[in-house]
Amino acid sequence: MRIHKLSSTDAFVAFDLDDAPSVGVTRLARKVLTDGAELLARSTTYAFASFGIQMGGGSAGINAEGDDRDPAVAAFVEEMRSAVAEGRWATDPALGLSEADLAPLRIDDRRPSELWTDGLADALTAQGAVAAAGAVREGGLTGATCAFVGKGPVVEAARAAVEAAGGTVADGDSPATEADVLFVAGKSGVLDHEAVPDIAAGVVVPLTPVPVTARAHAELTKAGKVHVPDFLATAAPLLRAHAEDVADPVAAVADKVSSLSSHGTGLWLAAVEEAEAFLRTWRDELPFGRPLA
């Protein structure tokens, strides 16, 4: 992991694979921690590797607040424009930023513009995660009850996708809500080990990157619950942008998860090992640390 510090403002980009084209979100706050950016970048690296794409994750942080915010964003955009124009990096706004803030970077962005102009990225993320949930349940989501933790456009789109798939959205917004599947959205590590004993669902599916901590993952496995990796569940927008041979990104996510579903509670680890096997085909060494908060 290389932390590139900008010279024009207090900002950085965490590049997981230093010499590979990279993709990842940019966040803004008074103090954006590099640890969080590294986690987000690592999740993207494993998503690409899972689908045989030689790219990596690269997540950025801008440290600013108050009157310093807009000048910091402008400086960040200006300094990173060449990386976007040359295809070395592509980014999307996350915490503290809007589409308008990063608009100048879109001019040279090589990805399909509908990902950010038409809300396609959120829709694909939601549909892919719902398809992933269906892929680990016999009979899919028909008749299944699905609970949600978290808020936002992706959550709302996933609720609609669950109903379209024949499932029912449960009342309640806590991990303890009675359901067959629990969809989790929120910041990195939002689902920790203390929440696991209350989880009623047998399947946990992320809607955002790395919401599950390492200890929570261990407890989920111990409790006999299937944890679908975030780097698979949320991969559909990456496939739409970077996998020209994939006609249907949502179906590709479902097929990948289905191919691993026989591992049961070992699905997450099997997916990690498969991604790492691909990384070894073109990297001298694996990035240090797996994608868990």
C-alpha atoms as a PDB file:
ATOM      1  CA  MET A   1       0.000   0.000   0.000  1.00  0.00           C
ATOM      2  CA  ARG A   2       1.430   3.360  -1.037  1.00  0.00           C
ATOM      3  CA  ILE A   3       0.144   6.555   0.548  1.00  0.00           C
ATOM      4  CA  HIS A   4       0.543   9.371  -1.953  1.00  0.00           C
ATOM      5  CA  LYS A   5       0.426  12.731  -0.165  1.00  0.00           C
ATOM      6  CA  LEU A   6      -0.612  15.705  -2.242  1.00  0.00           C
ATOM      7  CA  SER A   7       1.630  18.762  -2.354  1.00  0.00           C
ATOM      8  CA  SER A   8      -1.064  21.395  -2.896  1.00  0.00           C
ATOM      9  CA  THR A   9      -3.369  20.591   0.028  1.00  0.00           C
ATOM     10  CA  ASP A  10      -3.749  18.321   3.051  1.00  0.00           C
ATOM     11  CA  ALA A  11      -4.916  15.220   1.221  1.00  0.00           C
ATOM     12  CA  PHE A  12      -3.755  11.767   0.205  1.00  0.00           C
ATOM     13  CA  VAL A  13      -4.559   8.777  -1.964  1.00  0.00           C
ATOM     14  CA  ALA A  14      -3.999   5.229  -0.710  1.00  0.00           C
ATOM     15  CA  PHE A  15      -2.942   3.130  -3.709  1.00  0.00           C
ATOM     16  CA  ASP A  16      -3.154  -0.558  -2.880  1.00  0.00           C
ATOM     17  CA  LEU A  17      -1.210  -1.794  -5.912  1.00  0.00           C
ATOM     18  CA  ASP A  18       1.256   0.976  -6.646  1.00  0.00           C
ATOM     19  CA  ASP A  19       1.853   0.318 -10.341  1.00  0.00           C
ATOM     20  CA  ALA A  20      -1.680  -0.698 -11.402  1.00  0.00           C
ATOM     21  CA  PRO A  21      -4.628   1.425 -12.595  1.00  0.00           C
ATOM     22  CA  SER A  22      -6.724   2.129  -9.504  1.00  0.00           C
ATOM     23  CA  VAL A  23     -10.300   2.999  -8.556  1.00  0.00           C
ATOM     24  CA  GLY A  24     -11.859   4.142  -5.301  1.00  0.00           C
ATOM     25  CA  VAL A  25     -13.857   6.753  -3.424  1.00  0.00           C
ATOM     26  CA  THR A  26     -12.716  10.132  -2.145  1.00  0.00           C
ATOM     27  CA  ARG A  27     -13.870  11.300   1.291  1.00  0.00           C
ATOM     28  CA  LEU A  28     -13.642  14.650   3.050  1.00  0.00           C
ATOM     29  CA  ALA A  29     -13.632  15.399   6.780  1.00  0.00           C
ATOM     30  CA  ARG A  30     -11.657  17.311   9.365  1.00  0.00           C
ATOM     31  CA  LYS A  31      -9.374  14.283   9.570  1.00  0.00           C
ATOM     32  CA  VAL A  32      -9.693  11.333   7.195  1.00  0.00           C
ATOM     33  CA  LEU A  33      -7.722   8.393   8.552  1.00  0.00           C
ATOM     34  CA  THR A  34      -5.428   6.533   6.194  1.00  0.00           C
ATOM     35  CA  ASP A  35      -6.406   3.239   7.868  1.00  0.00           C
ATOM     36  CA  GLY A  36      -9.964   3.581   6.601  1.00  0.00           C
ATOM     37  CA  ALA A  37      -8.808   4.510   3.114  1.00  0.00           C
ATOM     38  CA  GLU A  38      -6.552   1.480   3.027  1.00  0.00           C
ATOM     39  CA  LEU A  39      -9.482  -0.779   3.907  1.00  0.00           C
ATOM     40  CA  LEU A  40     -11.635   0.693   1.157  1.00  0.00           C
ATOM     41  CA  ALA A  41      -8.819   0.333  -1.352  1.00  0.00           C
ATOM     42  CA  ARG A  42      -8.183  -3.276  -0.324  1.00  0.00           C
ATOM     43  CA  SER A  43     -11.846  -4.208  -0.815  1.00  0.00           C
ATOM     44  CA  THR A  44     -11.725  -2.845  -4.369  1.00  0.00           C
ATOM     45  CA  THR A  45      -8.519  -4.731  -5.105  1.00  0.00           C
ATOM     46  CA  TYR A  46     -10.151  -8.002  -4.066  1.00  0.00           C
ATOM     47  CA  ALA A  47     -13.254  -7.194  -6.116  1.00  0.00           C
ATOM     48  CA  PHE A  48     -11.171  -6.755  -9.248  1.00  0.00           C
ATOM     49  CA  ALA A  49      -9.157  -9.887  -8.507  1.00  0.00           C
ATOM     50  CA  SER A  50     -12.328 -11.922  -7.979  1.00  0.00           C
ATOM     51  CA  PHE A  51     -13.294 -11.263 -11.585  1.00  0.00           C
ATOM     52  CA  GLY A  52      -9.845 -11.599 -13.124  1.00  0.00           C
ATOM     53  CA  ILE A  53      -9.179  -7.882 -13.670  1.00  0.00           C
ATOM     54  CA  GLN A  54      -5.637  -6.555 -13.274  1.00  0.00           C
ATOM     55  CA  MET A  55      -6.490  -3.377 -11.389  1.00  0.00           C
ATOM     56  CA  GLY A  56      -6.320  -2.192  -7.791  1.00  0.00           C
ATOM     57  CA  GLY A  57      -8.083  -0.021  -5.271  1.00  0.00           C
ATOM     58  CA  GLY A  58      -7.139   3.568  -4.589  1.00  0.00           C
ATOM     59  CA  SER A  59      -9.063   5.547  -1.980  1.00  0.00           C
ATOM     60  CA  ALA A  60      -8.494   9.231  -1.193  1.00  0.00           C
ATOM     61  CA  GLY A  61      -9.006  11.544   1.755  1.00  0.00           C
ATOM     62  CA  ILE A  62      -9.165  15.338   1.941  1.00  0.00           C
ATOM     63  CA  ASN A  63      -8.591  16.884   5.368  1.00  0.00           C
ATOM     64  CA  ALA A  64     -10.498  20.161   5.608  1.00  0.00           C
ATOM     65  CA  GLU A  65     -13.452  21.879   7.233  1.00  0.00           C
ATOM     66  CA  GLY A  66     -15.212  25.242   7.333  1.00  0.00           C
ATOM     67  CA  ASP A  67     -13.822  27.943   5.077  1.00  0.00           C
ATOM     68  CA  ASP A  68     -10.921  25.686   4.092  1.00  0.00           C
ATOM     69  CA  ARG A  69     -13.200  23.090   2.507  1.00  0.00           C
ATOM     70  CA  ASP A  70     -13.770  24.475  -0.985  1.00  0.00           C
ATOM     71  CA  PRO A  71     -10.158  25.599  -1.604  1.00  0.00           C
ATOM     72  CA  ALA A  72      -8.946  22.163  -0.449  1.00  0.00           C
ATOM     73  CA  VAL A  73     -11.323  20.364  -2.807  1.00  0.00           C
ATOM     74  CA  ALA A  74     -10.311  22.605  -5.708  1.00  0.00           C
ATOM     75  CA  ALA A  75      -6.622  21.985  -5.054  1.00  0.00           C
ATOM     76  CA  PHE A  76      -7.177  18.235  -4.750  1.00  0.00           C
ATOM     77  CA  VAL A  77      -9.087  18.087  -8.030  1.00  0.00           C
ATOM     78  CA  GLU A  78      -6.475  20.119  -9.881  1.00  0.00           C
ATOM     79  CA  GLU A  79      -3.562  18.035  -8.621  1.00  0.00           C
ATOM     80  CA  MET A  80      -5.234  14.688  -9.371  1.00  0.00           C
ATOM     81  CA  ARG A  81      -6.571  15.555 -12.822  1.00  0.00           C
ATOM     82  CA  SER A  82      -3.546  14.143 -14.607  1.00  0.00           C
ATOM     83  CA  ALA A  83      -3.911  10.776 -12.834  1.00  0.00           C
ATOM     84  CA  VAL A  84      -7.515  10.552 -14.042  1.00  0.00           C
ATOM     85  CA  ALA A  85      -6.702  11.737 -17.562  1.00  0.00           C
ATOM     86  CA  GLU A  86      -3.927   9.169 -17.895  1.00  0.00           C
ATOM     87  CA  GLY A  87      -6.162   6.342 -16.679  1.00  0.00           C
ATOM     88  CA  ARG A  88      -4.086   5.751 -13.549  1.00  0.00           C
ATOM     89  CA  TRP A  89      -6.950   6.517 -11.173  1.00  0.00           C
ATOM     90  CA  ALA A  90     -10.728   7.028 -11.136  1.00  0.00           C
ATOM     91  CA  THR A  91     -12.798   8.144  -8.187  1.00  0.00           C
ATOM     92  CA  ASP A  92     -16.305   8.803  -6.893  1.00  0.00           C
ATOM     93  CA  PRO A  93     -17.469  11.116  -4.090  1.00  0.00           C
ATOM     94  CA  ALA A  94     -18.232   9.640  -0.686  1.00  0.00           C
ATOM     95  CA  LEU A  95     -18.381  11.084   2.847  1.00  0.00           C
ATOM     96  CA  GLY A  96     -18.367  14.896   2.836  1.00  0.00           C
ATOM     97  CA  LEU A  97     -18.374  15.291  -0.948  1.00  0.00           C
ATOM     98  CA  SER A  98     -20.922  15.619  -3.733  1.00  0.00           C
ATOM     99  CA  GLU A  99     -20.875  14.877  -7.429  1.00  0.00           C
ATOM    100  CA  ALA A 100     -20.476  18.616  -8.094  1.00  0.00           C
ATOM    101  CA  ASP A 101     -17.271  18.728  -6.018  1.00  0.00           C
ATOM    102  CA  LEU A 102     -15.514  16.228  -8.271  1.00  0.00           C
ATOM    103  CA  ALA A 103     -17.179  17.280 -11.535  1.00  0.00           C
ATOM    104  CA  PRO A 104     -13.917  18.520 -13.136  1.00  0.00           C
ATOM    105  CA  LEU A 105     -12.475  15.019 -12.794  1.00  0.00           C
ATOM    106  CA  ARG A 106     -15.375  13.591 -14.815  1.00  0.00           C
ATOM    107  CA  ILE A 107     -14.179  15.356 -17.955  1.00  0.00           C
ATOM    108  CA  ASP A 108     -11.362  12.854 -18.373  1.00  0.00           C
ATOM    109  CA  ASP A 109     -13.001   9.908 -16.583  1.00  0.00           C
ATOM    110  CA  ARG A 110     -12.995   6.934 -18.953  1.00  0.00           C
ATOM    111  CA  ARG A 111     -15.894   5.121 -17.309  1.00  0.00           C
ATOM    112  CA  PRO A 112     -19.511   5.188 -18.585  1.00  0.00           C
ATOM    113  CA  SER A 113     -20.981   8.508 -17.472  1.00  0.00           C
ATOM    114  CA  GLU A 114     -24.359   6.962 -16.632  1.00  0.00           C
ATOM    115  CA  LEU A 115     -22.738   5.464 -13.566  1.00  0.00           C
ATOM    116  CA  TRP A 116     -22.842   8.890 -11.932  1.00  0.00           C
ATOM    117  CA  THR A 117     -25.366  10.861 -14.013  1.00  0.00           C
ATOM    118  CA  ASP A 118     -28.225   8.362 -13.849  1.00  0.00           C
ATOM    119  CA  GLY A 119     -27.615   6.776 -10.454  1.00  0.00           C
ATOM    120  CA  LEU A 120     -26.646   3.547 -12.166  1.00  0.00           C
ATOM    121  CA  ALA A 121     -23.860   2.760  -9.702  1.00  0.00           C
ATOM    122  CA  ASP A 122     -26.272   2.676  -6.744  1.00  0.00           C
ATOM    123  CA  ALA A 123     -28.785   0.596  -8.686  1.00  0.00           C
ATOM    124  CA  LEU A 124     -26.167  -1.929  -9.794  1.00  0.00           C
ATOM    125  CA  THR A 125     -24.735  -2.181  -6.279  1.00  0.00           C
ATOM    126  CA  ALA A 126     -28.177  -2.909  -4.840  1.00  0.00           C
ATOM    127  CA  GLN A 127     -29.174  -5.368  -7.543  1.00  0.00           C
ATOM    128  CA  GLY A 128     -25.847  -7.174  -7.325  1.00  0.00           C
ATOM    129  CA  ALA A 129     -26.077  -7.549  -3.556  1.00  0.00           C
ATOM    130  CA  VAL A 130     -29.641  -8.846  -3.773  1.00  0.00           C
ATOM    131  CA  ALA A 131     -28.616 -11.271  -6.516  1.00  0.00           C
ATOM    132  CA  ALA A 132     -25.725 -12.425  -4.312  1.00  0.00           C
ATOM    133  CA  ALA A 133     -28.139 -13.101  -1.462  1.00  0.00           C
ATOM    134  CA  GLY A 134     -30.348 -15.127  -3.750  1.00  0.00           C
ATOM    135  CA  ALA A 135     -27.358 -17.114  -4.969  1.00  0.00           C
ATOM    136  CA  VAL A 136     -26.624 -18.557  -1.518  1.00  0.00           C
ATOM    137  CA  ARG A 137     -30.218 -19.586  -0.769  1.00  0.00           C
ATOM    138  CA  GLU A 138     -31.896 -22.570  -2.328  1.00  0.00           C
ATOM    139  CA  GLY A 139     -34.779 -21.162  -4.293  1.00  0.00           C
ATOM    140  CA  GLY A 140     -33.326 -17.661  -4.286  1.00  0.00           C
ATOM    141  CA  LEU A 141     -35.152 -14.911  -2.441  1.00  0.00           C
ATOM    142  CA  THR A 142     -38.644 -16.098  -3.324  1.00  0.00           C
ATOM    143  CA  GLY A 143     -40.550 -16.098  -0.039  1.00  0.00           C
ATOM    144  CA  ALA A 144     -37.519 -14.889   1.924  1.00  0.00           C
ATOM    145  CA  THR A 145     -37.731 -12.143   4.514  1.00  0.00           C
ATOM    146  CA  CYS A 146     -34.953  -9.550   4.291  1.00  0.00           C
ATOM    147  CA  ALA A 147     -33.938  -7.026   6.932  1.00  0.00           C
ATOM    148  CA  PHE A 148     -31.833  -3.903   6.435  1.00  0.00           C
ATOM    149  CA  VAL A 149     -29.390  -2.031   8.648  1.00  0.00           C
ATOM    150  CA  GLY A 150     -28.392   1.411   7.415  1.00  0.00           C
ATOM    151  CA  LYS A 151     -29.809   4.122   5.186  1.00  0.00           C
ATOM    152  CA  GLY A 152     -29.183   5.749   1.833  1.00  0.00           C
ATOM    153  CA  PRO A 153     -29.922   5.363  -1.890  1.00  0.00           C
ATOM    154  CA  VAL A 154     -28.341   1.912  -2.111  1.00  0.00           C
ATOM    155  CA  VAL A 155     -30.517   0.647   0.747  1.00  0.00           C
ATOM    156  CA  GLU A 156     -33.673   1.983  -0.873  1.00  0.00           C
ATOM    157  CA  ALA A 157     -32.715   0.439  -4.207  1.00  0.00           C
ATOM    158  CA  ALA A 158     -31.973  -2.883  -2.505  1.00  0.00           C
ATOM    159  CA  ARG A 159     -35.371  -2.896  -0.803  1.00  0.00           C
ATOM    160  CA  ALA A 160     -37.015  -2.534  -4.202  1.00  0.00           C
ATOM    161  CA  ALA A 161     -34.772  -5.243  -5.672  1.00  0.00           C
ATOM    162  CA  VAL A 162     -35.708  -7.653  -2.881  1.00  0.00           C
ATOM    163  CA  GLU A 163     -39.401  -7.231  -3.646  1.00  0.00           C
ATOM    164  CA  ALA A 164     -38.747  -7.616  -7.372  1.00  0.00           C
ATOM    165  CA  ALA A 165     -36.960 -10.897  -6.598  1.00  0.00           C
ATOM    166  CA  GLY A 166     -39.981 -12.243  -4.708  1.00  0.00           C
ATOM    167  CA  GLY A 167     -38.784 -11.461  -1.213  1.00  0.00           C
ATOM    168  CA  THR A 168     -40.367  -9.480   1.594  1.00  0.00           C
ATOM    169  CA  VAL A 169     -38.814  -6.512   3.385  1.00  0.00           C
ATOM    170  CA  ALA A 170     -39.043  -6.996   7.149  1.00  0.00           C
ATOM    171  CA  ASP A 171     -40.187  -4.311   9.557  1.00  0.00           C
ATOM    172  CA  GLY A 172     -37.381  -3.059  11.761  1.00  0.00           C
ATOM    173  CA  ASP A 173     -33.867  -1.768  11.174  1.00  0.00           C
ATOM    174  CA  SER A 174     -31.703  -3.627  13.655  1.00  0.00           C
ATOM    175  CA  PRO A 175     -29.556  -6.753  13.318  1.00  0.00           C
ATOM    176  CA  ALA A 176     -32.029  -8.519  15.611  1.00  0.00           C
ATOM    177  CA  THR A 177     -34.917  -8.142  13.168  1.00  0.00           C
ATOM    178  CA  GLU A 178     -36.392 -11.548  12.341  1.00  0.00           C
ATOM    179  CA  ALA A 179     -35.332 -12.321   8.775  1.00  0.00           C
ATOM    180  CA  ASP A 180     -33.681 -14.834   6.491  1.00  0.00           C
ATOM    181  CA  VAL A 181     -31.185 -12.325   5.086  1.00  0.00           C
ATOM    182  CA  LEU A 182     -29.621  -9.262   6.706  1.00  0.00           C
ATOM    183  CA  PHE A 183     -28.344  -6.522   4.390  1.00  0.00           C
ATOM    184  CA  VAL A 184     -25.845  -4.172   6.030  1.00  0.00           C
ATOM    185  CA  ALA A 185     -24.922  -0.648   4.935  1.00  0.00           C
ATOM    186  CA  GLY A 186     -22.796   1.923   6.716  1.00  0.00           C
ATOM    187  CA  LYS A 187     -19.252   2.917   7.482  1.00  0.00           C
ATOM    188  CA  SER A 188     -16.377   0.459   7.740  1.00  0.00           C
ATOM    189  CA  GLY A 189     -16.809  -1.817  10.749  1.00  0.00           C
ATOM    190  CA  VAL A 190     -20.410  -0.823  11.450  1.00  0.00           C
ATOM    191  CA  LEU A 191     -21.224  -4.463  12.220  1.00  0.00           C
ATOM    192  CA  ASP A 192     -19.010  -5.566  15.099  1.00  0.00           C
ATOM    193  CA  HIS A 193     -18.821  -8.759  17.141  1.00  0.00           C
ATOM    194  CA  GLU A 194     -21.157  -7.433  19.814  1.00  0.00           C
ATOM    195  CA  ALA A 195     -24.027  -7.365  17.303  1.00  0.00           C
ATOM    196  CA  VAL A 196     -23.554 -10.942  16.090  1.00  0.00           C
ATOM    197  CA  PRO A 197     -25.397 -12.768  18.916  1.00  0.00           C
ATOM    198  CA  ASP A 198     -28.506 -10.733  18.114  1.00  0.00           C
ATOM    199  CA  ILE A 199     -28.517 -11.472  14.392  1.00  0.00           C
ATOM    200  CA  ALA A 200     -31.488 -13.644  13.497  1.00  0.00           C
ATOM    201  CA  ALA A 201     -30.727 -14.009   9.782  1.00  0.00           C
ATOM    202  CA  GLY A 202     -28.697 -16.887   8.459  1.00  0.00           C
ATOM    203  CA  VAL A 203     -27.122 -14.832   5.659  1.00  0.00           C
ATOM    204  CA  VAL A 204     -25.380 -11.450   5.983  1.00  0.00           C
ATOM    205  CA  VAL A 205     -24.825  -9.395   2.831  1.00  0.00           C
ATOM    206  CA  PRO A 206     -22.989  -6.036   2.723  1.00  0.00           C
ATOM    207  CA  LEU A 207     -24.315  -3.126   0.676  1.00  0.00           C
ATOM    208  CA  THR A 208     -21.237  -0.977   1.340  1.00  0.00           C
ATOM    209  CA  PRO A 209     -17.506  -1.736   1.598  1.00  0.00           C
ATOM    210  CA  VAL A 210     -16.082  -3.574   4.611  1.00  0.00           C
ATOM    211  CA  PRO A 211     -18.977  -3.073   7.076  1.00  0.00           C
ATOM    212  CA  VAL A 212     -18.047  -6.237   8.992  1.00  0.00           C
ATOM    213  CA  THR A 213     -15.138  -6.376  11.433  1.00  0.00           C
ATOM    214  CA  ALA A 214     -12.695  -9.280  11.501  1.00  0.00           C
ATOM    215  CA  ARG A 215     -13.947 -10.391  14.897  1.00  0.00           C
ATOM    216  CA  ALA A 216     -17.577 -10.146  13.762  1.00  0.00           C
ATOM    217  CA  HIS A 217     -16.751 -12.305  10.751  1.00  0.00           C
ATOM    218  CA  ALA A 218     -15.227 -14.940  13.026  1.00  0.00           C
ATOM    219  CA  GLU A 219     -18.317 -14.870  15.243  1.00  0.00           C
ATOM    220  CA  LEU A 220     -20.649 -15.113  12.239  1.00  0.00           C
ATOM    221  CA  THR A 221     -18.795 -18.192  11.034  1.00  0.00           C
ATOM    222  CA  LYS A 222     -18.874 -19.720  14.494  1.00  0.00           C
ATOM    223  CA  ALA A 223     -22.616 -19.090  14.675  1.00  0.00           C
ATOM    224  CA  GLY A 224     -23.206 -20.901  11.386  1.00  0.00           C
ATOM    225  CA  LYS A 225     -24.108 -17.785   9.403  1.00  0.00           C
ATOM    226  CA  VAL A 226     -23.015 -17.153   5.832  1.00  0.00           C
ATOM    227  CA  HIS A 227     -21.122 -13.902   5.304  1.00  0.00           C
ATOM    228  CA  VAL A 228     -21.117 -12.871   1.640  1.00  0.00           C
ATOM    229  CA  PRO A 229     -17.950 -10.819   0.965  1.00  0.00           C
ATOM    230  CA  ASP A 230     -18.527  -7.130   0.384  1.00  0.00           C
ATOM    231  CA  PHE A 231     -16.035  -7.231  -2.477  1.00  0.00           C
ATOM    232  CA  LEU A 232     -18.374  -9.597  -4.340  1.00  0.00           C
ATOM    233  CA  ALA A 233     -21.743  -8.198  -3.248  1.00  0.00           C
ATOM    234  CA  THR A 234     -20.887  -4.636  -4.295  1.00  0.00           C
ATOM    235  CA  ALA A 235     -18.836  -5.422  -7.421  1.00  0.00           C
ATOM    236  CA  ALA A 236     -21.433  -4.847 -10.156  1.00  0.00           C
ATOM    237  CA  PRO A 237     -20.565  -1.161 -10.825  1.00  0.00           C
ATOM    238  CA  LEU A 238     -16.877  -2.044 -11.151  1.00  0.00           C
ATOM    239  CA  LEU A 239     -17.751  -4.707 -13.700  1.00  0.00           C
ATOM    240  CA  ARG A 240     -19.934  -2.295 -15.648  1.00  0.00           C
ATOM    241  CA  ALA A 241     -17.031   0.147 -15.831  1.00  0.00           C
ATOM    242  CA  HIS A 242     -14.020  -2.124 -16.284  1.00  0.00           C
ATOM    243  CA  ALA A 243     -15.085  -5.541 -17.613  1.00  0.00           C
ATOM    244  CA  GLU A 244     -15.972  -5.101 -21.264  1.00  0.00           C
ATOM    245  CA  ASP A 245     -16.558  -8.836 -21.693  1.00  0.00           C
ATOM    246  CA  VAL A 246     -19.249  -8.916 -18.971  1.00  0.00           C
ATOM    247  CA  ALA A 247     -22.637  -8.297 -20.547  1.00  0.00           C
ATOM    248  CA  ASP A 248     -24.624  -8.437 -17.298  1.00  0.00           C
ATOM    249  CA  PRO A 249     -22.705  -7.318 -14.177  1.00  0.00           C
ATOM    250  CA  VAL A 250     -25.504  -8.329 -11.801  1.00  0.00           C
ATOM    251  CA  ALA A 251     -25.648 -11.831 -13.244  1.00  0.00           C
ATOM    252  CA  ALA A 252     -21.853 -12.039 -13.040  1.00  0.00           C
ATOM    253  CA  VAL A 253     -21.984 -11.271  -9.311  1.00  0.00           C
ATOM    254  CA  ALA A 254     -24.709 -13.881  -8.798  1.00  0.00           C
ATOM    255  CA  ASP A 255     -22.765 -16.481 -10.776  1.00  0.00           C
ATOM    256  CA  LYS A 256     -19.573 -15.847  -8.795  1.00  0.00           C
ATOM    257  CA  VAL A 257     -21.328 -16.153  -5.446  1.00  0.00           C
ATOM    258  CA  SER A 258     -23.235 -19.230  -6.635  1.00  0.00           C
ATOM    259  CA  SER A 259     -19.957 -20.902  -7.634  1.00  0.00           C
ATOM    260  CA  LEU A 260     -18.756 -20.489  -4.049  1.00  0.00           C
ATOM    261  CA  SER A 261     -22.013 -21.212  -2.233  1.00  0.00           C
ATOM    262  CA  SER A 262     -21.191 -24.862  -1.611  1.00  0.00           C
ATOM    263  CA  HIS A 263     -18.592 -23.654   0.919  1.00  0.00           C
ATOM    264  CA  GLY A 264     -21.418 -22.569   3.222  1.00  0.00           C
ATOM    265  CA  THR A 265     -20.043 -20.600   6.148  1.00  0.00           C
ATOM    266  CA  GLY A 266     -16.626 -20.832   4.487  1.00  0.00           C
ATOM    267  CA  LEU A 267     -17.827 -18.784   1.504  1.00  0.00           C
ATOM    268  CA  TRP A 268     -16.010 -15.608   2.551  1.00  0.00           C
ATOM    269  CA  LEU A 269     -12.683 -17.372   2.979  1.00  0.00           C
ATOM    270  CA  ALA A 270     -13.108 -19.302  -0.277  1.00  0.00           C
ATOM    271  CA  ALA A 271     -13.714 -16.025  -2.121  1.00  0.00           C
ATOM    272  CA  VAL A 272     -10.638 -14.449  -0.534  1.00  0.00           C
ATOM    273  CA  GLU A 273      -8.449 -17.395  -1.484  1.00  0.00           C
ATOM    274  CA  GLU A 274      -9.742 -17.342  -5.053  1.00  0.00           C
ATOM    275  CA  ALA A 275      -8.995 -13.619  -5.355  1.00  0.00           C
ATOM    276  CA  GLU A 276      -5.519 -14.127  -3.929  1.00  0.00           C
ATOM    277  CA  ALA A 277      -4.851 -16.952  -6.385  1.00  0.00           C
ATOM    278  CA  PHE A 278      -5.494 -14.520  -9.234  1.00  0.00           C
ATOM    279  CA  LEU A 279      -3.361 -11.805  -7.637  1.00  0.00           C
ATOM    280  CA  ARG A 280      -0.453 -14.247  -7.474  1.00  0.00           C
ATOM    281  CA  THR A 281      -0.625 -14.687 -11.269  1.00  0.00           C
ATOM    282  CA  TRP A 282       0.505 -11.103 -11.831  1.00  0.00           C
ATOM    283  CA  ARG A 283       1.908  -9.806  -8.527  1.00  0.00           C
ATOM    284  CA  ASP A 284       5.199 -10.751  -6.905  1.00  0.00           C
ATOM    285  CA  GLU A 285       3.549 -10.651  -3.481  1.00  0.00           C
ATOM    286  CA  LEU A 286       0.073 -10.279  -2.014  1.00  0.00           C
ATOM    287  CA  PRO A 287      -1.032  -7.041  -0.392  1.00  0.00           C
ATOM    288  CA  PHE A 288      -0.730  -7.329   3.364  1.00  0.00           C
ATOM    289  CA  GLY A 289      -4.051  -7.837   5.137  1.00  0.00           C
ATOM    290  CA  ARG A 290      -7.442  -9.042   4.006  1.00  0.00           C
ATOM    291  CA  PRO A 291     -10.538  -6.876   3.468  1.00  0.00           C
ATOM    292  CA  LEU A 292     -12.153  -6.845   6.904  1.00  0.00           C
ATOM    293  CA  ALA A 293     -12.546  -3.876   9.227  1.00  0.00           C
END
